[in-house]
Amino acid sequence: MSTTETKLMTADELFEMPDDGFRYELIEGELRRMSPAGHKHGEVAMNIAGPLHSHVKHNKLGKVYAAETGFQLKSKPDTVRAPDVAFVRQERAQRAAKAKGYWIGAPDLAVEVTSPGDPVREVEEKVAEWLEAGTRMVWVVSPKLKTVTVYRSLTDIVTLTEKDTLDGGDVVPGFQIAIAEIFAV
């Protein structure tokens, strides 16, 4: 009987990979390739990222990061996830200003915009990883259903529809956007 040993990748190795047109995440040392997002996904992500960035910058609350920004959630084996939009509060962002590579730790807010082919299990896995790593709030945005599901924990979950307003609560104080605006593409 023969066994095959899989060599696990590190966050540093992922960071040094040449750009081949794909997006990658590292899950417990295993590389996962993800297809580039479609145009609707990108529009919806920007409909959140733009107003969020403007609010955060104007109020000096911290930093907003665009898709492709990796956050190293675990080490040995390494896990690096990249939300579609992320926010890190000011005091944490200042401490990491000179860091190279991926952000070590979780953002305060992670936004995941679902794509048509995203299995529910994988979206739930990401939400659980964000929360376990210390993310204070996760927004899962569904262009198909035109909903935003807000997770503060795996038991504190609220789903908002186009008639509702999304707010940043104590994570992004003062931020509000109508759900209908998010899906106005």
Protein backbone atom coordinates (compact mmCIF):
# COMPACT_ATOMS: atom_id res chain seq x y z
CA MET A 1 0.00 0.00 0.00
CA SER A 2 1.40 3.41 -0.94
CA THR A 3 0.50 6.74 0.51
CA THR A 4 0.80 10.13 -1.07
CA GLU A 5 1.87 12.99 1.11
CA THR A 6 0.51 16.41 0.24
CA LYS A 7 2.93 19.29 0.75
CA LEU A 8 1.14 22.10 2.51
CA MET A 9 1.67 25.64 1.29
CA THR A 10 2.44 28.57 3.59
CA ALA A 11 0.98 32.06 3.49
CA ASP A 12 4.41 33.39 2.45
CA GLU A 13 4.54 30.96 -0.49
CA LEU A 14 1.04 32.01 -1.57
CA PHE A 15 2.04 35.68 -1.37
CA GLU A 16 5.07 35.06 -3.61
CA MET A 17 3.13 33.16 -6.31
CA PRO A 18 3.17 34.81 -9.74
CA ASP A 19 -0.12 36.27 -10.99
CA ASP A 20 -1.77 33.79 -13.33
CA GLY A 21 -5.16 35.54 -13.61
CA PHE A 22 -6.86 33.50 -10.90
CA ARG A 23 -7.68 34.29 -7.29
CA TYR A 24 -6.56 31.91 -4.58
CA GLU A 25 -7.26 31.28 -0.94
CA LEU A 26 -5.28 29.01 1.33
CA ILE A 27 -7.31 26.71 3.57
CA GLU A 28 -5.27 24.91 6.22
CA GLY A 29 -2.29 24.85 3.88
CA GLU A 30 -4.23 23.69 0.80
CA LEU A 31 -4.46 26.01 -2.18
CA ARG A 32 -7.97 26.71 -3.53
CA ARG A 33 -8.31 28.34 -6.92
CA MET A 34 -11.29 30.58 -7.49
CA SER A 35 -12.56 31.87 -10.81
CA PRO A 36 -12.60 35.63 -11.36
CA ALA A 37 -15.91 37.17 -10.31
CA GLY A 38 -18.55 38.08 -12.88
CA HIS A 39 -19.61 41.64 -13.69
CA LYS A 40 -22.75 41.67 -11.51
CA HIS A 41 -20.73 40.43 -8.54
CA GLY A 42 -18.24 43.24 -9.09
CA GLU A 43 -20.96 45.90 -9.38
CA VAL A 44 -22.68 44.77 -6.20
CA ALA A 45 -19.37 44.63 -4.31
CA MET A 46 -18.56 48.20 -5.42
CA ASN A 47 -22.04 49.40 -4.45
CA ILE A 48 -21.07 48.43 -0.90
CA ALA A 49 -17.35 49.21 -0.99
CA GLY A 50 -17.73 52.75 -2.39
CA PRO A 51 -20.13 54.14 0.23
CA LEU A 52 -18.40 52.18 3.01
CA HIS A 53 -14.98 53.56 2.03
CA SER A 54 -16.34 57.11 1.80
CA HIS A 55 -17.96 56.88 5.26
CA VAL A 56 -14.91 55.28 6.89
CA LYS A 57 -12.49 57.78 5.35
CA HIS A 58 -14.64 60.84 6.14
CA ASN A 59 -15.04 59.76 9.77
CA LYS A 60 -11.46 58.47 10.17
CA LEU A 61 -12.73 55.10 11.38
CA GLY A 62 -10.02 52.90 9.84
CA LYS A 63 -9.32 51.26 6.48
CA VAL A 64 -11.51 49.59 3.88
CA TYR A 65 -9.86 46.91 1.75
CA ALA A 66 -10.93 45.75 -1.70
CA ALA A 67 -11.31 42.19 -2.93
CA GLU A 68 -8.08 40.24 -3.31
CA THR A 69 -6.76 41.50 0.06
CA GLY A 70 -5.66 38.46 2.02
CA PHE A 71 -6.12 38.01 5.74
CA GLN A 72 -4.14 35.25 7.42
CA LEU A 73 -6.61 33.70 9.84
CA LYS A 74 -4.58 30.68 11.01
CA SER A 75 -0.99 29.46 11.08
CA LYS A 76 0.61 26.02 10.83
CA PRO A 77 -1.17 25.07 8.65
CA ASP A 78 -1.90 28.51 7.25
CA THR A 79 -5.33 29.79 6.22
CA VAL A 80 -5.58 32.95 4.10
CA ARG A 81 -9.01 34.22 3.09
CA ALA A 82 -9.85 37.22 0.89
CA PRO A 83 -13.30 38.77 1.38
CA ASP A 84 -14.91 40.90 -1.31
CA VAL A 85 -14.72 43.94 0.99
CA ALA A 86 -13.15 44.28 4.44
CA PHE A 87 -12.94 46.93 7.15
CA VAL A 88 -10.34 47.24 9.91
CA ARG A 89 -10.82 49.84 12.63
CA GLN A 90 -8.30 52.67 12.95
CA GLU A 91 -6.30 51.52 15.96
CA ARG A 92 -5.72 48.09 14.43
CA ALA A 93 -4.96 49.49 10.97
CA GLN A 94 -2.27 51.81 12.36
CA ARG A 95 -0.47 48.91 14.07
CA ALA A 96 -0.18 47.01 10.80
CA ALA A 97 0.70 49.94 8.52
CA LYS A 98 4.25 48.73 7.80
CA ALA A 99 3.54 45.00 7.72
CA LYS A 100 4.45 43.12 4.54
CA GLY A 101 2.44 40.29 3.07
CA TYR A 102 -1.01 39.43 4.34
CA TRP A 103 -2.80 41.05 7.23
CA ILE A 104 -2.27 38.79 10.26
CA GLY A 105 -5.67 38.23 11.83
CA ALA A 106 -9.23 38.95 10.85
CA PRO A 107 -10.85 42.18 9.71
CA ASP A 108 -13.51 43.74 11.94
CA LEU A 109 -16.00 43.43 9.06
CA ALA A 110 -15.88 40.92 6.19
CA VAL A 111 -18.24 41.20 3.23
CA GLU A 112 -18.84 38.18 1.02
CA VAL A 113 -20.83 38.67 -2.21
CA THR A 114 -22.11 35.31 -3.38
CA SER A 115 -21.78 34.14 -6.97
CA PRO A 116 -24.30 31.86 -8.70
CA GLY A 117 -22.03 28.81 -8.40
CA ASP A 118 -21.11 29.25 -4.71
CA PRO A 119 -22.18 26.19 -2.73
CA VAL A 120 -24.04 27.17 0.46
CA ARG A 121 -21.69 24.91 2.44
CA GLU A 122 -18.64 26.91 1.30
CA VAL A 123 -20.27 30.26 2.14
CA GLU A 124 -21.19 28.96 5.60
CA GLU A 125 -17.62 27.67 6.04
CA LYS A 126 -16.22 31.12 5.25
CA VAL A 127 -18.61 32.84 7.66
CA ALA A 128 -17.65 30.43 10.43
CA GLU A 129 -13.92 30.95 9.76
CA TRP A 130 -14.27 34.74 9.80
CA LEU A 131 -16.17 34.70 13.08
CA GLU A 132 -13.87 32.14 14.70
CA ALA A 133 -10.84 34.26 13.74
CA GLY A 134 -12.29 37.35 15.43
CA THR A 135 -14.30 39.15 12.75
CA ARG A 136 -16.97 41.10 14.61
CA MET A 137 -19.50 41.17 11.76
CA VAL A 138 -19.91 39.37 8.41
CA TRP A 139 -22.25 40.52 5.66
CA VAL A 140 -23.22 37.85 3.12
CA VAL A 141 -24.68 39.61 0.10
CA SER A 142 -26.84 37.58 -2.30
CA PRO A 143 -27.42 39.27 -5.67
CA LYS A 144 -29.73 36.40 -6.64
CA LEU A 145 -32.04 36.81 -3.63
CA LYS A 146 -31.34 40.55 -3.19
CA THR A 147 -30.68 40.02 0.49
CA VAL A 148 -27.92 40.77 2.96
CA THR A 149 -27.48 38.36 5.85
CA VAL A 150 -25.72 39.92 8.83
CA TYR A 151 -23.78 37.58 11.12
CA ARG A 152 -22.48 38.73 14.51
CA SER A 153 -22.09 35.11 15.58
CA LEU A 154 -23.36 31.76 14.35
CA THR A 155 -26.52 32.33 16.40
CA ASP A 156 -26.99 36.11 16.01
CA ILE A 157 -28.10 36.24 12.36
CA VAL A 158 -30.44 38.71 10.62
CA THR A 159 -31.47 38.66 6.95
CA LEU A 160 -32.37 41.99 5.36
CA THR A 161 -34.39 42.52 2.16
CA GLU A 162 -34.69 45.41 -0.32
CA LYS A 163 -37.13 47.17 2.02
CA ASP A 164 -34.52 47.33 4.80
CA THR A 165 -31.46 49.42 5.64
CA LEU A 166 -28.09 47.88 6.44
CA ASP A 167 -26.07 49.57 9.17
CA GLY A 168 -22.60 49.13 10.57
CA GLY A 169 -23.74 48.95 14.20
CA ASP A 170 -20.87 49.29 16.66
CA VAL A 171 -18.42 47.84 14.11
CA VAL A 172 -18.69 50.71 11.59
CA PRO A 173 -20.49 53.42 13.61
CA GLY A 174 -22.85 55.64 11.64
CA PHE A 175 -22.70 53.68 8.38
CA GLN A 176 -26.06 53.03 6.69
CA ILE A 177 -27.11 52.01 3.20
CA ALA A 178 -30.48 50.99 1.79
CA ILE A 179 -30.42 47.37 0.66
CA ALA A 180 -32.12 48.47 -2.58
CA GLU A 181 -29.06 50.70 -3.33
CA ILE A 182 -26.73 47.71 -3.07
CA PHE A 183 -28.59 45.93 -5.85
CA ALA A 184 -29.20 48.97 -8.08
CA VAL A 185 -27.01 47.83 -11.00
